[in-house]
Amino acid sequence: MARGERVVIEGAEFSASLTAGSDIGLLALHAGTEGGTAELAEEVAARTGATTLVFTQPAGDPVHLPSHRMAVDHCAALREFLASVTVVVSLHGHLRRETPRAVFLGGANRAAARILGRELTAHAPDFEAVTDLDAIPAGLRGLHPRNPVNLTPEAGVQVELPLGARTLRPGKVRGVPDLPPPSVAAALTAGVERLAARPRAGAGRGPAASP
């Protein structure tokens, strides 16, 4: 059952919705500004039993805060999420016009990034899974040490999705839920299932560094 919390971060009000599940955590920090990330997190969690934490903005103009500034100590839902999962799959959106089909897989757990990359290639071949950090734009690498994707025992993967990989309803009416592409939902589901079946060890975690 989901548990909700209202939290103010840097003057902006957010609603954080936490649903407990397995030790794999699906995170959507910017669901208010990156459409489709909440729906993808919730759909994949429903299929896999993963834990989810989704941040939305219930009122006013949506504000986009960098991920590392969302890691505030006064958010109980975030503290509980980070304490209950070992690997995070953090879903984000990008609008890079030069790479409209690229899914960038950053974050400190490079082994997990490669697992998700293989499943995206297999299940969502219309998109390009990019796991080489040097090929990921610096601002999308998700390596900041305070980024929530890196604050669990095995860190995690920051999945930067282009608009077409997040929703089949671009330009939708406000308040109408996004509809994630089935191929991307299937790929992330397979990836989370593989992460859940992994040997429980810290292998594959790379050094956390500034972007």
N, C-alpha and C. Protein backbone atom coordinates (compact mmCIF):
# COMPACT_ATOMS: atom_id res chain seq x y z
N MET A 1 0.85 -1.19 0.00
CA MET A 1 0.00 0.00 0.00
C MET A 1 0.89 1.25 0.00
N ALA A 2 0.51 2.23 -0.81
CA ALA A 2 1.31 3.44 -0.92
C ALA A 2 1.13 4.31 0.31
N ARG A 3 2.23 4.95 0.70
CA ARG A 3 2.19 5.91 1.80
C ARG A 3 2.64 7.26 1.26
N GLY A 4 1.83 8.29 1.50
CA GLY A 4 2.13 9.60 0.95
C GLY A 4 2.69 10.55 1.99
N GLU A 5 3.47 11.51 1.50
CA GLU A 5 4.05 12.53 2.36
C GLU A 5 4.17 13.82 1.57
N ARG A 6 3.83 14.92 2.19
CA ARG A 6 4.08 16.23 1.60
C ARG A 6 5.38 16.76 2.17
N VAL A 7 6.25 17.25 1.30
CA VAL A 7 7.55 17.73 1.74
C VAL A 7 7.91 18.97 0.94
N VAL A 8 8.49 19.95 1.60
CA VAL A 8 8.92 21.18 0.94
C VAL A 8 10.44 21.13 0.79
N ILE A 9 10.90 21.29 -0.44
CA ILE A 9 12.33 21.28 -0.74
C ILE A 9 12.67 22.56 -1.48
N GLU A 10 13.50 23.37 -0.89
CA GLU A 10 13.93 24.64 -1.48
C GLU A 10 12.73 25.48 -1.89
N GLY A 11 11.71 25.49 -1.05
CA GLY A 11 10.54 26.32 -1.27
C GLY A 11 9.47 25.72 -2.17
N ALA A 12 9.75 24.58 -2.78
CA ALA A 12 8.78 23.91 -3.66
C ALA A 12 8.12 22.76 -2.91
N GLU A 13 6.80 22.62 -3.06
CA GLU A 13 6.08 21.56 -2.38
C GLU A 13 5.98 20.33 -3.27
N PHE A 14 6.35 19.18 -2.71
CA PHE A 14 6.29 17.91 -3.42
C PHE A 14 5.42 16.94 -2.65
N SER A 15 4.84 16.00 -3.40
CA SER A 15 4.15 14.86 -2.81
C SER A 15 4.99 13.62 -3.10
N ALA A 16 5.43 12.94 -2.04
CA ALA A 16 6.24 11.74 -2.19
C ALA A 16 5.38 10.53 -1.87
N SER A 17 5.29 9.59 -2.81
CA SER A 17 4.47 8.39 -2.63
C SER A 17 5.37 7.16 -2.62
N LEU A 18 5.39 6.46 -1.48
CA LEU A 18 6.26 5.31 -1.29
C LEU A 18 5.43 4.03 -1.21
N THR A 19 5.79 3.04 -2.01
CA THR A 19 5.16 1.73 -1.96
C THR A 19 6.23 0.69 -1.69
N ALA A 20 6.11 -0.02 -0.58
CA ALA A 20 7.13 -0.97 -0.17
C ALA A 20 7.08 -2.23 -1.04
N GLY A 21 8.26 -2.79 -1.29
CA GLY A 21 8.35 -4.02 -2.06
C GLY A 21 9.69 -4.68 -1.83
N SER A 22 10.33 -5.10 -2.90
CA SER A 22 11.60 -5.83 -2.81
C SER A 22 12.77 -4.89 -2.53
N ASP A 23 13.98 -5.45 -2.57
CA ASP A 23 15.17 -4.63 -2.33
C ASP A 23 15.65 -3.91 -3.59
N ILE A 24 14.91 -4.00 -4.68
CA ILE A 24 15.16 -3.18 -5.87
C ILE A 24 14.24 -1.98 -5.77
N GLY A 25 14.80 -0.78 -5.92
CA GLY A 25 14.00 0.42 -5.79
C GLY A 25 13.85 1.16 -7.11
N LEU A 26 12.61 1.47 -7.49
CA LEU A 26 12.32 2.29 -8.66
C LEU A 26 12.01 3.70 -8.17
N LEU A 27 12.73 4.67 -8.70
CA LEU A 27 12.65 6.04 -8.21
C LEU A 27 12.31 6.99 -9.36
N ALA A 28 11.33 7.86 -9.13
CA ALA A 28 10.99 8.92 -10.10
C ALA A 28 11.02 10.24 -9.34
N LEU A 29 12.18 10.89 -9.33
CA LEU A 29 12.35 12.13 -8.58
C LEU A 29 11.64 13.31 -9.23
N HIS A 30 11.50 13.27 -10.55
CA HIS A 30 11.00 14.44 -11.28
C HIS A 30 9.74 14.14 -12.08
N ALA A 31 8.83 13.38 -11.47
CA ALA A 31 7.61 13.01 -12.19
C ALA A 31 6.78 14.23 -12.56
N GLY A 32 6.94 15.33 -11.82
CA GLY A 32 6.18 16.53 -12.13
C GLY A 32 6.65 17.23 -13.39
N THR A 33 7.90 17.02 -13.79
CA THR A 33 8.45 17.70 -14.96
C THR A 33 8.91 16.75 -16.06
N GLU A 34 9.03 15.46 -15.75
CA GLU A 34 9.51 14.48 -16.72
C GLU A 34 8.44 13.41 -16.90
N GLY A 35 7.48 13.75 -17.77
CA GLY A 35 6.30 12.92 -17.96
C GLY A 35 6.61 11.49 -18.33
N GLY A 36 5.84 10.57 -17.77
CA GLY A 36 5.98 9.16 -18.06
C GLY A 36 6.85 8.41 -17.08
N THR A 37 7.69 9.12 -16.32
CA THR A 37 8.59 8.42 -15.40
C THR A 37 7.82 7.79 -14.25
N ALA A 38 6.81 8.48 -13.75
CA ALA A 38 6.01 7.89 -12.66
C ALA A 38 5.26 6.66 -13.15
N GLU A 39 4.64 6.77 -14.31
CA GLU A 39 3.86 5.65 -14.84
C GLU A 39 4.74 4.44 -15.13
N LEU A 40 5.94 4.70 -15.66
CA LEU A 40 6.87 3.59 -15.91
C LEU A 40 7.30 2.92 -14.60
N ALA A 41 7.64 3.73 -13.61
CA ALA A 41 8.05 3.17 -12.33
C ALA A 41 6.95 2.32 -11.73
N GLU A 42 5.73 2.83 -11.77
CA GLU A 42 4.61 2.11 -11.16
C GLU A 42 4.27 0.83 -11.93
N GLU A 43 4.35 0.89 -13.27
CA GLU A 43 4.03 -0.29 -14.07
C GLU A 43 5.07 -1.39 -13.86
N VAL A 44 6.35 -1.01 -13.88
CA VAL A 44 7.40 -2.01 -13.69
C VAL A 44 7.34 -2.58 -12.28
N ALA A 45 7.05 -1.76 -11.30
CA ALA A 45 6.94 -2.25 -9.93
C ALA A 45 5.78 -3.21 -9.78
N ALA A 46 4.66 -2.92 -10.45
CA ALA A 46 3.51 -3.82 -10.37
C ALA A 46 3.84 -5.19 -10.94
N ARG A 47 4.73 -5.22 -11.95
CA ARG A 47 5.10 -6.50 -12.57
C ARG A 47 6.17 -7.25 -11.79
N THR A 48 6.99 -6.53 -11.03
CA THR A 48 8.17 -7.15 -10.42
C THR A 48 8.14 -7.17 -8.90
N GLY A 49 7.26 -6.40 -8.29
CA GLY A 49 7.24 -6.32 -6.84
C GLY A 49 8.30 -5.42 -6.26
N ALA A 50 8.89 -4.54 -7.08
CA ALA A 50 9.92 -3.63 -6.60
C ALA A 50 9.31 -2.55 -5.70
N THR A 51 10.15 -1.94 -4.90
CA THR A 51 9.76 -0.78 -4.10
C THR A 51 9.76 0.45 -5.00
N THR A 52 8.80 1.35 -4.80
CA THR A 52 8.75 2.57 -5.61
C THR A 52 8.67 3.81 -4.73
N LEU A 53 9.30 4.88 -5.22
CA LEU A 53 9.15 6.20 -4.63
C LEU A 53 9.01 7.20 -5.77
N VAL A 54 7.89 7.91 -5.76
CA VAL A 54 7.57 8.85 -6.84
C VAL A 54 7.32 10.23 -6.24
N PHE A 55 7.99 11.24 -6.77
CA PHE A 55 7.79 12.63 -6.37
C PHE A 55 6.98 13.36 -7.44
N THR A 56 5.86 13.91 -7.04
CA THR A 56 5.07 14.76 -7.94
C THR A 56 4.91 16.13 -7.28
N GLN A 57 4.36 17.07 -8.06
CA GLN A 57 4.13 18.41 -7.54
C GLN A 57 2.64 18.72 -7.69
N PRO A 58 1.91 18.73 -6.58
CA PRO A 58 0.45 18.80 -6.64
C PRO A 58 -0.12 20.15 -7.05
N ALA A 59 0.65 21.21 -6.91
CA ALA A 59 0.10 22.54 -7.20
C ALA A 59 1.20 23.46 -7.70
N GLY A 60 0.79 24.49 -8.40
CA GLY A 60 1.74 25.48 -8.88
C GLY A 60 2.51 25.01 -10.10
N ASP A 61 3.39 25.89 -10.58
CA ASP A 61 4.21 25.55 -11.72
C ASP A 61 5.29 24.55 -11.29
N PRO A 62 5.45 23.46 -12.04
CA PRO A 62 6.47 22.46 -11.66
C PRO A 62 7.87 23.05 -11.63
N VAL A 63 8.63 22.64 -10.65
CA VAL A 63 10.00 23.08 -10.46
C VAL A 63 10.92 21.87 -10.62
N HIS A 64 12.00 22.04 -11.37
CA HIS A 64 12.95 20.95 -11.56
C HIS A 64 14.19 21.25 -10.74
N LEU A 65 14.41 20.44 -9.69
CA LEU A 65 15.62 20.57 -8.88
C LEU A 65 16.59 19.46 -9.27
N PRO A 66 17.88 19.75 -9.34
CA PRO A 66 18.86 18.69 -9.60
C PRO A 66 18.71 17.56 -8.59
N SER A 67 18.99 16.36 -9.05
CA SER A 67 18.73 15.18 -8.21
C SER A 67 19.43 15.24 -6.86
N HIS A 68 20.68 15.70 -6.83
CA HIS A 68 21.41 15.70 -5.56
C HIS A 68 20.80 16.67 -4.56
N ARG A 69 20.05 17.67 -5.03
CA ARG A 69 19.41 18.60 -4.11
C ARG A 69 18.06 18.08 -3.62
N MET A 70 17.60 16.97 -4.19
CA MET A 70 16.38 16.32 -3.70
C MET A 70 16.68 15.40 -2.51
N ALA A 71 17.95 15.12 -2.25
CA ALA A 71 18.33 14.19 -1.17
C ALA A 71 18.34 14.92 0.16
N VAL A 72 17.16 15.28 0.64
CA VAL A 72 17.05 16.04 1.88
C VAL A 72 16.75 15.10 3.05
N ASP A 73 17.34 15.40 4.19
CA ASP A 73 17.19 14.54 5.35
C ASP A 73 15.79 14.59 5.95
N HIS A 74 15.05 15.68 5.70
CA HIS A 74 13.74 15.81 6.35
C HIS A 74 12.62 15.10 5.59
N CYS A 75 12.93 14.39 4.51
CA CYS A 75 11.91 13.62 3.79
C CYS A 75 11.93 12.18 4.31
N ALA A 76 10.93 11.83 5.13
CA ALA A 76 10.89 10.50 5.73
C ALA A 76 10.73 9.41 4.68
N ALA A 77 9.95 9.68 3.63
CA ALA A 77 9.73 8.68 2.58
C ALA A 77 11.04 8.35 1.88
N LEU A 78 11.86 9.35 1.61
CA LEU A 78 13.15 9.11 0.97
C LEU A 78 14.09 8.35 1.90
N ARG A 79 14.10 8.72 3.17
CA ARG A 79 14.94 7.99 4.13
C ARG A 79 14.55 6.51 4.19
N GLU A 80 13.25 6.25 4.24
CA GLU A 80 12.77 4.86 4.31
C GLU A 80 13.11 4.10 3.03
N PHE A 81 12.94 4.75 1.90
CA PHE A 81 13.26 4.14 0.61
C PHE A 81 14.73 3.74 0.57
N LEU A 82 15.62 4.66 0.90
CA LEU A 82 17.05 4.39 0.82
C LEU A 82 17.49 3.33 1.82
N ALA A 83 16.78 3.24 2.94
CA ALA A 83 17.13 2.24 3.95
C ALA A 83 16.64 0.84 3.60
N SER A 84 15.66 0.75 2.70
CA SER A 84 15.02 -0.54 2.45
C SER A 84 15.43 -1.19 1.14
N VAL A 85 16.16 -0.47 0.27
CA VAL A 85 16.57 -1.05 -1.01
C VAL A 85 18.09 -1.09 -1.09
N THR A 86 18.60 -1.97 -1.92
CA THR A 86 20.05 -2.06 -2.12
C THR A 86 20.49 -1.52 -3.47
N VAL A 87 19.63 -1.62 -4.47
CA VAL A 87 19.93 -1.12 -5.81
C VAL A 87 18.77 -0.22 -6.26
N VAL A 88 19.10 0.91 -6.85
CA VAL A 88 18.10 1.87 -7.31
C VAL A 88 18.11 1.94 -8.83
N VAL A 89 16.92 1.96 -9.43
CA VAL A 89 16.76 2.29 -10.85
C VAL A 89 15.99 3.60 -10.87
N SER A 90 16.69 4.68 -11.17
CA SER A 90 16.12 6.02 -11.10
C SER A 90 15.75 6.49 -12.50
N LEU A 91 14.47 6.75 -12.72
CA LEU A 91 13.95 7.07 -14.06
C LEU A 91 13.85 8.58 -14.25
N HIS A 92 14.43 9.04 -15.34
CA HIS A 92 14.46 10.47 -15.66
C HIS A 92 14.12 10.65 -17.14
N GLY A 93 13.92 11.89 -17.53
CA GLY A 93 13.66 12.18 -18.93
C GLY A 93 14.62 13.22 -19.47
N HIS A 94 15.01 13.07 -20.72
CA HIS A 94 15.82 14.10 -21.38
C HIS A 94 15.15 14.49 -22.69
N LEU A 95 15.51 15.68 -23.16
CA LEU A 95 14.95 16.21 -24.41
C LEU A 95 16.08 16.64 -25.35
N ARG A 96 17.12 15.82 -25.42
CA ARG A 96 18.25 16.14 -26.29
C ARG A 96 17.86 15.94 -27.75
N ARG A 97 17.76 17.02 -28.48
CA ARG A 97 17.30 16.94 -29.88
C ARG A 97 18.26 16.15 -30.76
N GLU A 98 19.55 16.18 -30.41
CA GLU A 98 20.52 15.49 -31.23
C GLU A 98 20.52 13.98 -30.99
N THR A 99 19.90 13.54 -29.90
CA THR A 99 19.85 12.10 -29.59
C THR A 99 18.44 11.71 -29.16
N PRO A 100 17.46 11.82 -30.04
CA PRO A 100 16.07 11.58 -29.66
C PRO A 100 15.71 10.12 -29.41
N ARG A 101 16.62 9.20 -29.74
CA ARG A 101 16.34 7.77 -29.51
C ARG A 101 17.28 7.16 -28.49
N ALA A 102 18.13 7.96 -27.88
CA ALA A 102 19.13 7.44 -26.95
C ALA A 102 18.58 7.35 -25.53
N VAL A 103 18.79 6.19 -24.92
CA VAL A 103 18.52 6.00 -23.49
C VAL A 103 19.88 5.94 -22.81
N PHE A 104 20.18 6.94 -22.00
CA PHE A 104 21.47 7.03 -21.33
C PHE A 104 21.39 6.34 -19.97
N LEU A 105 22.33 5.44 -19.71
CA LEU A 105 22.33 4.64 -18.48
C LEU A 105 23.54 5.02 -17.65
N GLY A 106 23.33 5.96 -16.73
CA GLY A 106 24.39 6.42 -15.86
C GLY A 106 24.27 5.79 -14.48
N GLY A 107 24.77 6.51 -13.46
CA GLY A 107 24.76 5.97 -12.10
C GLY A 107 26.03 5.21 -11.79
N ALA A 108 26.29 5.00 -10.49
CA ALA A 108 27.55 4.43 -10.05
C ALA A 108 27.64 2.91 -10.21
N ASN A 109 26.51 2.22 -10.35
CA ASN A 109 26.57 0.76 -10.51
C ASN A 109 26.63 0.42 -11.99
N ARG A 110 27.85 0.29 -12.49
CA ARG A 110 28.03 0.09 -13.93
C ARG A 110 27.61 -1.31 -14.37
N ALA A 111 27.77 -2.31 -13.51
CA ALA A 111 27.32 -3.66 -13.88
C ALA A 111 25.81 -3.67 -14.07
N ALA A 112 25.08 -3.00 -13.17
CA ALA A 112 23.62 -2.93 -13.30
C ALA A 112 23.22 -2.14 -14.54
N ALA A 113 23.98 -1.10 -14.87
CA ALA A 113 23.69 -0.32 -16.08
C ALA A 113 23.81 -1.20 -17.32
N ARG A 114 24.82 -2.05 -17.35
CA ARG A 114 24.99 -2.92 -18.52
C ARG A 114 23.87 -3.96 -18.60
N ILE A 115 23.39 -4.43 -17.46
CA ILE A 115 22.26 -5.37 -17.46
C ILE A 115 21.04 -4.70 -18.06
N LEU A 116 20.72 -3.50 -17.61
CA LEU A 116 19.56 -2.80 -18.17
C LEU A 116 19.77 -2.48 -19.65
N GLY A 117 21.00 -2.14 -20.00
CA GLY A 117 21.28 -1.84 -21.40
C GLY A 117 21.02 -3.03 -22.31
N ARG A 118 21.42 -4.22 -21.87
CA ARG A 118 21.18 -5.41 -22.68
C ARG A 118 19.68 -5.68 -22.85
N GLU A 119 18.92 -5.47 -21.79
CA GLU A 119 17.48 -5.72 -21.89
C GLU A 119 16.78 -4.67 -22.76
N LEU A 120 17.25 -3.44 -22.71
CA LEU A 120 16.69 -2.42 -23.60
C LEU A 120 16.99 -2.75 -25.05
N THR A 121 18.19 -3.21 -25.33
CA THR A 121 18.54 -3.58 -26.70
C THR A 121 17.69 -4.74 -27.18
N ALA A 122 17.43 -5.70 -26.30
CA ALA A 122 16.66 -6.89 -26.68
C ALA A 122 15.17 -6.61 -26.83
N HIS A 123 14.60 -5.79 -25.94
CA HIS A 123 13.15 -5.61 -25.91
C HIS A 123 12.68 -4.31 -26.56
N ALA A 124 13.55 -3.32 -26.63
CA ALA A 124 13.16 -2.02 -27.19
C ALA A 124 14.20 -1.57 -28.22
N PRO A 125 14.34 -2.32 -29.32
CA PRO A 125 15.40 -2.04 -30.29
C PRO A 125 15.22 -0.71 -31.04
N ASP A 126 14.06 -0.08 -30.92
CA ASP A 126 13.89 1.23 -31.55
C ASP A 126 14.70 2.32 -30.85
N PHE A 127 15.19 2.00 -29.66
CA PHE A 127 15.97 2.97 -28.90
C PHE A 127 17.40 2.46 -28.75
N GLU A 128 18.34 3.39 -28.57
CA GLU A 128 19.76 3.05 -28.42
C GLU A 128 20.14 3.13 -26.94
N ALA A 129 20.53 2.02 -26.36
CA ALA A 129 20.98 2.00 -24.97
C ALA A 129 22.45 2.40 -24.91
N VAL A 130 22.76 3.47 -24.20
CA VAL A 130 24.12 3.99 -24.12
C VAL A 130 24.64 3.77 -22.70
N THR A 131 25.63 2.88 -22.54
CA THR A 131 26.18 2.58 -21.22
C THR A 131 27.60 3.11 -21.03
N ASP A 132 28.25 3.52 -22.10
CA ASP A 132 29.59 4.07 -22.01
C ASP A 132 29.51 5.48 -21.41
N LEU A 133 30.07 5.66 -20.22
CA LEU A 133 29.96 6.96 -19.55
C LEU A 133 30.52 8.10 -20.39
N ASP A 134 31.57 7.82 -21.14
CA ASP A 134 32.17 8.87 -21.98
C ASP A 134 31.22 9.34 -23.07
N ALA A 135 30.25 8.49 -23.45
CA ALA A 135 29.29 8.84 -24.50
C ALA A 135 28.02 9.47 -23.92
N ILE A 136 27.92 9.54 -22.61
CA ILE A 136 26.75 10.14 -21.96
C ILE A 136 27.05 11.60 -21.64
N PRO A 137 26.18 12.54 -22.00
CA PRO A 137 26.42 13.94 -21.65
C PRO A 137 26.69 14.09 -20.15
N ALA A 138 27.63 14.94 -19.81
CA ALA A 138 28.08 15.05 -18.41
C ALA A 138 26.93 15.27 -17.44
N GLY A 139 25.97 16.09 -17.83
CA GLY A 139 24.88 16.41 -16.93
C GLY A 139 23.88 15.28 -16.74
N LEU A 140 24.02 14.20 -17.50
CA LEU A 140 23.09 13.07 -17.43
C LEU A 140 23.74 11.81 -16.87
N ARG A 141 24.95 11.91 -16.38
CA ARG A 141 25.68 10.70 -15.95
C ARG A 141 25.25 10.19 -14.58
N GLY A 142 24.63 11.02 -13.76
CA GLY A 142 24.11 10.56 -12.48
C GLY A 142 25.17 10.06 -11.53
N LEU A 143 26.32 10.74 -11.48
CA LEU A 143 27.42 10.28 -10.64
C LEU A 143 27.66 11.14 -9.40
N HIS A 144 26.86 12.17 -9.20
CA HIS A 144 27.05 13.01 -8.02
C HIS A 144 26.89 12.16 -6.76
N PRO A 145 27.81 12.28 -5.79
CA PRO A 145 27.73 11.42 -4.60
C PRO A 145 26.49 11.63 -3.75
N ARG A 146 25.80 12.77 -3.89
CA ARG A 146 24.57 13.01 -3.14
C ARG A 146 23.32 12.67 -3.95
N ASN A 147 23.48 12.25 -5.18
CA ASN A 147 22.33 11.82 -5.98
C ASN A 147 21.74 10.58 -5.32
N PRO A 148 20.42 10.54 -5.05
CA PRO A 148 19.84 9.38 -4.38
C PRO A 148 20.12 8.05 -5.06
N VAL A 149 20.38 8.06 -6.37
CA VAL A 149 20.66 6.80 -7.06
C VAL A 149 21.95 6.15 -6.55
N ASN A 150 22.80 6.93 -5.89
CA ASN A 150 24.08 6.42 -5.41
C ASN A 150 24.15 6.27 -3.90
N LEU A 151 23.02 6.37 -3.22
CA LEU A 151 23.03 6.40 -1.75
C LEU A 151 22.59 5.10 -1.09
N THR A 152 22.54 4.02 -1.84
CA THR A 152 22.21 2.71 -1.26
C THR A 152 23.44 1.81 -1.33
N PRO A 153 23.43 0.65 -0.65
CA PRO A 153 24.64 -0.17 -0.57
C PRO A 153 25.28 -0.51 -1.90
N GLU A 154 24.48 -0.77 -2.94
CA GLU A 154 25.04 -1.12 -4.24
C GLU A 154 24.83 -0.02 -5.28
N ALA A 155 24.44 1.17 -4.81
CA ALA A 155 24.17 2.30 -5.72
C ALA A 155 23.10 1.90 -6.75
N GLY A 156 23.20 2.40 -7.97
CA GLY A 156 22.16 2.08 -8.93
C GLY A 156 22.42 2.67 -10.30
N VAL A 157 21.33 2.76 -11.08
CA VAL A 157 21.40 3.18 -12.47
C VAL A 157 20.47 4.37 -12.67
N GLN A 158 21.00 5.44 -13.24
CA GLN A 158 20.17 6.57 -13.63
C GLN A 158 19.79 6.39 -15.09
N VAL A 159 18.51 6.18 -15.35
CA VAL A 159 18.01 5.89 -16.70
C VAL A 159 17.41 7.18 -17.26
N GLU A 160 18.10 7.77 -18.23
CA GLU A 160 17.64 9.01 -18.87
C GLU A 160 16.95 8.65 -20.18
N LEU A 161 15.64 8.83 -20.20
CA LEU A 161 14.80 8.40 -21.32
C LEU A 161 14.36 9.57 -22.18
N PRO A 162 14.47 9.44 -23.50
CA PRO A 162 13.89 10.47 -24.37
C PRO A 162 12.38 10.43 -24.30
N LEU A 163 11.73 11.47 -24.79
CA LEU A 163 10.27 11.57 -24.67
C LEU A 163 9.56 10.35 -25.25
N GLY A 164 10.01 9.88 -26.40
CA GLY A 164 9.35 8.75 -27.05
C GLY A 164 9.46 7.45 -26.28
N ALA A 165 10.42 7.36 -25.37
CA ALA A 165 10.58 6.16 -24.54
C ALA A 165 9.82 6.27 -23.23
N ARG A 166 9.21 7.44 -22.99
CA ARG A 166 8.49 7.65 -21.74
C ARG A 166 6.98 7.64 -21.92
N THR A 167 6.51 8.10 -23.06
CA THR A 167 5.07 8.22 -23.23
C THR A 167 4.66 8.13 -24.69
N LEU A 168 3.50 7.54 -24.91
CA LEU A 168 2.90 7.51 -26.25
C LEU A 168 1.93 8.66 -26.43
N ARG A 169 1.87 9.55 -25.43
CA ARG A 169 0.93 10.68 -25.47
C ARG A 169 1.66 12.02 -25.31
N PRO A 170 2.62 12.34 -26.17
CA PRO A 170 3.27 13.65 -26.06
C PRO A 170 2.26 14.76 -26.31
N GLY A 171 2.39 15.84 -25.54
CA GLY A 171 1.46 16.94 -25.69
C GLY A 171 0.08 16.62 -25.16
N LYS A 172 -0.01 15.69 -24.23
CA LYS A 172 -1.30 15.25 -23.67
C LYS A 172 -1.97 16.37 -22.88
N VAL A 173 -3.24 16.19 -22.60
CA VAL A 173 -3.99 17.12 -21.78
C VAL A 173 -3.51 17.00 -20.34
N ARG A 174 -3.36 18.13 -19.66
CA ARG A 174 -2.90 18.13 -18.27
C ARG A 174 -3.85 17.28 -17.41
N GLY A 175 -3.24 16.42 -16.60
CA GLY A 175 -4.04 15.58 -15.71
C GLY A 175 -4.32 14.20 -16.27
N VAL A 176 -4.07 14.00 -17.58
CA VAL A 176 -4.26 12.68 -18.19
C VAL A 176 -2.96 11.90 -18.03
N PRO A 177 -3.00 10.69 -17.47
CA PRO A 177 -1.76 9.94 -17.24
C PRO A 177 -1.02 9.65 -18.53
N ASP A 178 0.30 9.65 -18.43
CA ASP A 178 1.12 9.24 -19.57
C ASP A 178 0.97 7.74 -19.80
N LEU A 179 1.23 7.33 -21.03
CA LEU A 179 1.11 5.92 -21.41
C LEU A 179 2.48 5.43 -21.86
N PRO A 180 3.21 4.70 -21.01
CA PRO A 180 4.55 4.26 -21.38
C PRO A 180 4.53 3.29 -22.55
N PRO A 181 5.52 3.35 -23.44
CA PRO A 181 5.61 2.39 -24.54
C PRO A 181 5.76 0.97 -23.99
N PRO A 182 4.99 0.02 -24.48
CA PRO A 182 5.08 -1.36 -23.97
C PRO A 182 6.48 -1.95 -24.06
N SER A 183 7.22 -1.63 -25.13
CA SER A 183 8.56 -2.22 -25.29
C SER A 183 9.50 -1.74 -24.20
N VAL A 184 9.41 -0.48 -23.82
CA VAL A 184 10.29 0.06 -22.78
C VAL A 184 9.90 -0.51 -21.42
N ALA A 185 8.60 -0.61 -21.16
CA ALA A 185 8.14 -1.22 -19.91
C ALA A 185 8.61 -2.67 -19.81
N ALA A 186 8.56 -3.39 -20.93
CA ALA A 186 9.01 -4.78 -20.94
C ALA A 186 10.51 -4.88 -20.69
N ALA A 187 11.28 -3.96 -21.29
CA ALA A 187 12.73 -3.97 -21.11
C ALA A 187 13.11 -3.69 -19.67
N LEU A 188 12.49 -2.68 -19.08
CA LEU A 188 12.81 -2.35 -17.69
C LEU A 188 12.35 -3.46 -16.75
N THR A 189 11.22 -4.07 -17.06
CA THR A 189 10.76 -5.21 -16.25
C THR A 189 11.78 -6.33 -16.27
N ALA A 190 12.26 -6.69 -17.46
CA ALA A 190 13.26 -7.76 -17.58
C ALA A 190 14.54 -7.38 -16.86
N GLY A 191 14.94 -6.11 -16.96
CA GLY A 191 16.14 -5.66 -16.28
C GLY A 191 16.03 -5.74 -14.78
N VAL A 192 14.89 -5.29 -14.24
CA VAL A 192 14.68 -5.35 -12.79
C VAL A 192 14.65 -6.80 -12.31
N GLU A 193 14.03 -7.67 -13.10
CA GLU A 193 14.00 -9.10 -12.73
C GLU A 193 15.41 -9.67 -12.69
N ARG A 194 16.27 -9.26 -13.62
CA ARG A 194 17.64 -9.75 -13.61
C ARG A 194 18.41 -9.19 -12.41
N LEU A 195 18.17 -7.94 -12.08
CA LEU A 195 18.82 -7.37 -10.90
C LEU A 195 18.36 -8.08 -9.63
N ALA A 196 17.10 -8.44 -9.57
CA ALA A 196 16.57 -9.14 -8.39
C ALA A 196 17.19 -10.52 -8.24
N ALA A 197 17.61 -11.12 -9.35
CA ALA A 197 18.19 -12.46 -9.32
C ALA A 197 19.70 -12.45 -9.19
N ARG A 198 20.29 -11.27 -9.06
CA ARG A 198 21.75 -11.17 -9.03
C ARG A 198 22.31 -11.74 -7.72
N PRO A 199 23.57 -12.14 -7.71
CA PRO A 199 24.23 -12.50 -6.45
C PRO A 199 24.28 -11.27 -5.54
N ARG A 200 23.99 -11.43 -4.27
CA ARG A 200 23.98 -10.31 -3.34
C ARG A 200 25.40 -9.95 -2.93
N ALA A 201 25.97 -9.03 -3.69
CA ALA A 201 27.33 -8.56 -3.41
C ALA A 201 27.44 -7.15 -3.93
N GLY A 202 28.45 -6.46 -3.54
CA GLY A 202 28.64 -5.07 -3.97
C GLY A 202 29.41 -4.96 -5.26
N ALA A 203 29.72 -6.08 -5.92
CA ALA A 203 30.51 -6.04 -7.14
C ALA A 203 29.81 -5.23 -8.20
N GLY A 204 30.61 -4.49 -8.97
CA GLY A 204 30.07 -3.72 -10.08
C GLY A 204 29.82 -2.29 -9.74
N ARG A 205 29.94 -1.91 -8.45
CA ARG A 205 29.73 -0.51 -8.11
C ARG A 205 30.99 0.28 -8.41
N GLY A 206 30.84 1.28 -9.22
CA GLY A 206 31.98 2.11 -9.55
C GLY A 206 32.12 3.23 -8.55
N PRO A 207 33.16 4.04 -8.62
CA PRO A 207 33.34 5.15 -7.70
C PRO A 207 32.33 6.24 -7.96
N ALA A 208 31.79 6.80 -6.89
CA ALA A 208 30.87 7.93 -7.04
C ALA A 208 31.71 9.17 -7.26
N ALA A 209 31.39 9.90 -8.33
CA ALA A 209 32.18 11.10 -8.64
C ALA A 209 31.24 12.21 -9.04
N SER A 210 31.74 13.41 -9.05
CA SER A 210 30.94 14.54 -9.48
C SER A 210 30.73 14.46 -10.98
N PRO A 211 29.58 14.96 -11.46
CA PRO A 211 29.32 14.92 -12.90
C PRO A 211 30.28 15.80 -13.66
